[in-house]
């Protein structure tokens, strides 16, 4: 039988997150700003007085 040339490498944390589709965990906050529109939103997931997720 012929041996395969497939090399295995350890994935980085960034590569694992891309595979899993992981996003940062965001709590429901009183107010945050939509990064796309710049509008302030209330009671949505995001970082208090920062960007919404």
PDB file of N, CA and C in Angstrom:
ATOM      1  N   UNK A   1       0.836  -1.182   0.000  1.00  0.00           N
ATOM      2  CA  UNK A   1       0.000   0.000   0.000  1.00  0.00           C
ATOM      3  C   UNK A   1       0.880   1.244   0.000  1.00  0.00           C
ATOM      4  N   UNK A   2       0.359   2.264  -0.620  1.00  0.00           N
ATOM      5  CA  UNK A   2       1.075   3.541  -0.690  1.00  0.00           C
ATOM      6  C   UNK A   2       0.737   4.405   0.523  1.00  0.00           C
ATOM      7  N   UNK A   3       1.744   5.029   1.113  1.00  0.00           N
ATOM      8  CA  UNK A   3       1.516   5.914   2.250  1.00  0.00           C
ATOM      9  C   UNK A   3       1.016   7.256   1.744  1.00  0.00           C
ATOM     10  N   UNK A   4       0.122   7.858   2.484  1.00  0.00           N
ATOM     11  CA  UNK A   4      -0.391   9.169   2.086  1.00  0.00           C
ATOM     12  C   UNK A   4       0.552  10.250   2.596  1.00  0.00           C
ATOM     13  N   UNK A   5       0.511  11.386   1.936  1.00  0.00           N
ATOM     14  CA  UNK A   5       1.363  12.512   2.300  1.00  0.00           C
ATOM     15  C   UNK A   5       0.613  13.559   3.118  1.00  0.00           C
ATOM     16  N   UNK A   6      -0.475  13.175   3.748  1.00  0.00           N
ATOM     17  CA  UNK A   6      -1.270  14.137   4.510  1.00  0.00           C
ATOM     18  C   UNK A   6      -0.547  14.433   5.816  1.00  0.00           C
ATOM     19  N   UNK A   7      -0.226  15.692   6.002  1.00  0.00           N
ATOM     20  CA  UNK A   7       0.439  16.126   7.227  1.00  0.00           C
ATOM     21  C   UNK A   7      -0.609  16.692   8.174  1.00  0.00           C
ATOM     22  N   UNK A   8      -0.478  16.375   9.437  1.00  0.00           N
ATOM     23  CA  UNK A   8      -1.409  16.949  10.398  1.00  0.00           C
ATOM     24  C   UNK A   8      -0.692  18.049  11.161  1.00  0.00           C
ATOM     25  N   UNK A   9      -1.423  19.130  11.399  1.00  0.00           N
ATOM     26  CA  UNK A   9      -0.867  20.229  12.178  1.00  0.00           C
ATOM     27  C   UNK A   9      -1.879  20.634  13.215  1.00  0.00           C
ATOM     28  N   UNK A  10      -1.375  21.182  14.295  1.00  0.00           N
ATOM     29  CA  UNK A  10      -2.248  21.640  15.365  1.00  0.00           C
ATOM     30  C   UNK A  10      -2.848  22.983  14.968  1.00  0.00           C
ATOM     31  N   UNK A  11      -4.173  23.104  15.094  1.00  0.00           N
ATOM     32  CA  UNK A  11      -4.852  24.337  14.725  1.00  0.00           C
ATOM     33  C   UNK A  11      -4.680  25.387  15.815  1.00  0.00           C
ATOM     34  N   UNK A  12      -4.631  26.647  15.386  1.00  0.00           N
ATOM     35  CA  UNK A  12      -4.541  27.750  16.336  1.00  0.00           C
ATOM     36  C   UNK A  12      -5.933  28.045  16.887  1.00  0.00           C
ATOM     37  N   UNK A  13      -6.008  28.833  17.959  1.00  0.00           N
ATOM     38  CA  UNK A  13      -7.300  29.203  18.531  1.00  0.00           C
ATOM     39  C   UNK A  13      -8.155  29.950  17.519  1.00  0.00           C
ATOM     40  N   UNK A  14      -7.520  30.811  16.727  1.00  0.00           N
ATOM     41  CA  UNK A  14      -8.257  31.577  15.718  1.00  0.00           C
ATOM     42  C   UNK A  14      -8.871  30.650  14.682  1.00  0.00           C
ATOM     43  N   UNK A  15      -8.112  29.661  14.231  1.00  0.00           N
ATOM     44  CA  UNK A  15      -8.620  28.714  13.234  1.00  0.00           C
ATOM     45  C   UNK A  15      -9.761  27.880  13.810  1.00  0.00           C
ATOM     46  N   UNK A  16      -9.647  27.473  15.078  1.00  0.00           N
ATOM     47  CA  UNK A  16     -10.719  26.710  15.708  1.00  0.00           C
ATOM     48  C   UNK A  16     -12.003  27.519  15.818  1.00  0.00           C
ATOM     49  N   UNK A  17     -11.875  28.814  16.161  1.00  0.00           N
ATOM     50  CA  UNK A  17     -13.048  29.668  16.262  1.00  0.00           C
ATOM     51  C   UNK A  17     -13.729  29.823  14.912  1.00  0.00           C
ATOM     52  N   UNK A  18     -12.934  29.920  13.832  1.00  0.00           N
ATOM     53  CA  UNK A  18     -13.519  30.051  12.497  1.00  0.00           C
ATOM     54  C   UNK A  18     -14.294  28.800  12.127  1.00  0.00           C
ATOM     55  N   UNK A  19     -13.773  27.636  12.498  1.00  0.00           N
ATOM     56  CA  UNK A  19     -14.448  26.374  12.183  1.00  0.00           C
ATOM     57  C   UNK A  19     -15.744  26.262  12.971  1.00  0.00           C
ATOM     58  N   UNK A  20     -15.701  26.583  14.251  1.00  0.00           N
ATOM     59  CA  UNK A  20     -16.867  26.459  15.114  1.00  0.00           C
ATOM     60  C   UNK A  20     -17.869  27.585  14.901  1.00  0.00           C
ATOM     61  N   UNK A  21     -17.446  28.663  14.264  1.00  0.00           N
ATOM     62  CA  UNK A  21     -18.330  29.801  14.088  1.00  0.00           C
ATOM     63  C   UNK A  21     -18.563  30.534  15.390  1.00  0.00           C
ATOM     64  N   UNK A  22     -17.593  30.465  16.261  1.00  0.00           N
ATOM     65  CA  UNK A  22     -17.735  31.080  17.579  1.00  0.00           C
ATOM     66  C   UNK A  22     -17.729  32.599  17.482  1.00  0.00           C
ATOM     67  N   UNK A  23     -18.571  33.201  18.279  1.00  0.00           N
ATOM     68  CA  UNK A  23     -18.611  34.660  18.389  1.00  0.00           C
ATOM     69  C   UNK A  23     -18.384  35.017  19.840  1.00  0.00           C
ATOM     70  N   UNK A  24     -17.966  36.236  20.102  1.00  0.00           N
ATOM     71  CA  UNK A  24     -17.802  36.619  21.501  1.00  0.00           C
ATOM     72  C   UNK A  24     -19.143  36.596  22.221  1.00  0.00           C
ATOM     73  N   UNK A  25     -19.122  36.167  23.479  1.00  0.00           N
ATOM     74  CA  UNK A  25     -20.347  36.097  24.273  1.00  0.00           C
ATOM     75  C   UNK A  25     -20.737  37.500  24.714  1.00  0.00           C
ATOM     76  N   UNK A  26     -21.974  37.862  24.503  1.00  0.00           N
ATOM     77  CA  UNK A  26     -22.441  39.205  24.846  1.00  0.00           C
ATOM     78  C   UNK A  26     -23.652  39.114  25.761  1.00  0.00           C
ATOM     79  N   UNK A  27     -23.624  39.891  26.836  1.00  0.00           N
ATOM     80  CA  UNK A  27     -24.743  39.983  27.764  1.00  0.00           C
ATOM     81  C   UNK A  27     -25.749  41.008  27.257  1.00  0.00           C
ATOM     82  N   UNK A  28     -26.989  40.901  27.743  1.00  0.00           N
ATOM     83  CA  UNK A  28     -28.005  41.911  27.450  1.00  0.00           C
ATOM     84  C   UNK A  28     -27.631  43.153  28.268  1.00  0.00           C
ATOM     85  N   UNK A  29     -27.522  44.294  27.611  1.00  0.00           N
ATOM     86  CA  UNK A  29     -27.104  45.522  28.286  1.00  0.00           C
ATOM     87  C   UNK A  29     -28.192  46.585  28.166  1.00  0.00           C
ATOM     88  N   UNK A  30     -28.075  47.611  28.990  1.00  0.00           N
ATOM     89  CA  UNK A  30     -29.047  48.707  28.966  1.00  0.00           C
ATOM     90  C   UNK A  30     -28.950  49.489  27.662  1.00  0.00           C
ATOM     91  N   UNK A  31     -27.730  49.807  27.231  1.00  0.00           N
ATOM     92  CA  UNK A  31     -27.586  50.557  25.982  1.00  0.00           C
ATOM     93  C   UNK A  31     -26.240  50.247  25.348  1.00  0.00           C
ATOM     94  N   UNK A  32     -26.226  50.233  24.027  1.00  0.00           N
ATOM     95  CA  UNK A  32     -24.997  50.056  23.263  1.00  0.00           C
ATOM     96  C   UNK A  32     -25.215  50.687  21.885  1.00  0.00           C
ATOM     97  N   UNK A  33     -24.151  50.804  21.130  1.00  0.00           N
ATOM     98  CA  UNK A  33     -24.229  51.459  19.823  1.00  0.00           C
ATOM     99  C   UNK A  33     -24.060  50.440  18.707  1.00  0.00           C
ATOM    100  N   UNK A  34     -24.960  50.500  17.723  1.00  0.00           N
ATOM    101  CA  UNK A  34     -24.869  49.631  16.555  1.00  0.00           C
ATOM    102  C   UNK A  34     -23.651  50.058  15.740  1.00  0.00           C
ATOM    103  N   UNK A  35     -22.667  49.141  15.516  1.00  0.00           N
ATOM    104  CA  UNK A  35     -21.459  49.529  14.796  1.00  0.00           C
ATOM    105  C   UNK A  35     -21.719  49.903  13.334  1.00  0.00           C
ATOM    106  N   UNK A  36     -22.805  49.409  12.758  1.00  0.00           N
ATOM    107  CA  UNK A  36     -23.099  49.695  11.339  1.00  0.00           C
ATOM    108  C   UNK A  36     -23.745  51.065  11.143  1.00  0.00           C
ATOM    109  N   UNK A  37     -24.686  51.404  12.047  1.00  0.00           N
ATOM    110  CA  UNK A  37     -25.438  52.647  11.864  1.00  0.00           C
ATOM    111  C   UNK A  37     -25.027  53.741  12.840  1.00  0.00           C
ATOM    112  N   UNK A  38     -24.402  53.350  13.963  1.00  0.00           N
ATOM    113  CA  UNK A  38     -24.030  54.334  14.971  1.00  0.00           C
ATOM    114  C   UNK A  38     -25.180  54.722  15.881  1.00  0.00           C
ATOM    115  N   UNK A  39     -26.344  54.081  15.722  1.00  0.00           N
ATOM    116  CA  UNK A  39     -27.501  54.397  16.551  1.00  0.00           C
ATOM    117  C   UNK A  39     -27.417  53.683  17.893  1.00  0.00           C
ATOM    118  N   UNK A  40     -27.909  54.339  18.925  1.00  0.00           N
ATOM    119  CA  UNK A  40     -27.936  53.733  20.249  1.00  0.00           C
ATOM    120  C   UNK A  40     -29.130  52.796  20.336  1.00  0.00           C
ATOM    121  N   UNK A  41     -28.912  51.584  20.868  1.00  0.00           N
ATOM    122  CA  UNK A  41     -29.978  50.610  21.021  1.00  0.00           C
ATOM    123  C   UNK A  41     -30.078  50.220  22.485  1.00  0.00           C
ATOM    124  N   UNK A  42     -31.272  49.805  22.902  1.00  0.00           N
ATOM    125  CA  UNK A  42     -31.525  49.500  24.310  1.00  0.00           C
ATOM    126  C   UNK A  42     -31.980  48.056  24.467  1.00  0.00           C
ATOM    127  N   UNK A  43     -31.470  47.376  25.516  1.00  0.00           N
ATOM    128  CA  UNK A  43     -31.921  46.023  25.850  1.00  0.00           C
ATOM    129  C   UNK A  43     -31.534  44.972  24.841  1.00  0.00           C
ATOM    130  N   UNK A  44     -30.397  45.109  24.213  1.00  0.00           N
ATOM    131  CA  UNK A  44     -29.919  44.136  23.229  1.00  0.00           C
ATOM    132  C   UNK A  44     -28.552  43.607  23.665  1.00  0.00           C
ATOM    133  N   UNK A  45     -28.093  42.467  23.103  1.00  0.00           N
ATOM    134  CA  UNK A  45     -26.770  41.950  23.466  1.00  0.00           C
ATOM    135  C   UNK A  45     -25.675  42.894  23.016  1.00  0.00           C
ATOM    136  N   UNK A  46     -24.699  43.121  23.879  1.00  0.00           N
ATOM    137  CA  UNK A  46     -23.585  43.991  23.538  1.00  0.00           C
ATOM    138  C   UNK A  46     -22.733  44.312  24.746  1.00  0.00           C
ATOM    139  N   UNK A  47     -21.917  45.340  24.621  1.00  0.00           N
ATOM    140  CA  UNK A  47     -21.055  45.802  25.693  1.00  0.00           C
ATOM    141  C   UNK A  47     -21.582  47.165  26.157  1.00  0.00           C
ATOM    142  N   UNK A  48     -21.773  47.293  27.460  1.00  0.00           N
ATOM    143  CA  UNK A  48     -22.344  48.521  28.016  1.00  0.00           C
ATOM    144  C   UNK A  48     -21.554  49.750  27.543  1.00  0.00           C
ATOM    145  N   UNK A  49     -22.265  50.706  26.978  1.00  0.00           N
ATOM    146  CA  UNK A  49     -21.689  51.948  26.442  1.00  0.00           C
ATOM    147  C   UNK A  49     -20.627  51.685  25.381  1.00  0.00           C
ATOM    148  N   UNK A  50     -20.732  50.534  24.703  1.00  0.00           N
ATOM    149  CA  UNK A  50     -19.804  50.190  23.616  1.00  0.00           C
ATOM    150  C   UNK A  50     -20.606  49.700  22.423  1.00  0.00           C
ATOM    151  N   UNK A  51     -20.031  48.803  21.652  1.00  0.00           N
ATOM    152  CA  UNK A  51     -20.697  48.274  20.462  1.00  0.00           C
ATOM    153  C   UNK A  51     -21.654  47.149  20.820  1.00  0.00           C
ATOM    154  N   UNK A  52     -22.736  47.058  20.038  1.00  0.00           N
ATOM    155  CA  UNK A  52     -23.667  45.935  20.161  1.00  0.00           C
ATOM    156  C   UNK A  52     -23.103  44.756  19.383  1.00  0.00           C
ATOM    157  N   UNK A  53     -23.497  43.553  19.791  1.00  0.00           N
ATOM    158  CA  UNK A  53     -23.023  42.352  19.093  1.00  0.00           C
ATOM    159  C   UNK A  53     -23.924  42.016  17.906  1.00  0.00           C
TER     160      UNK A  53
END
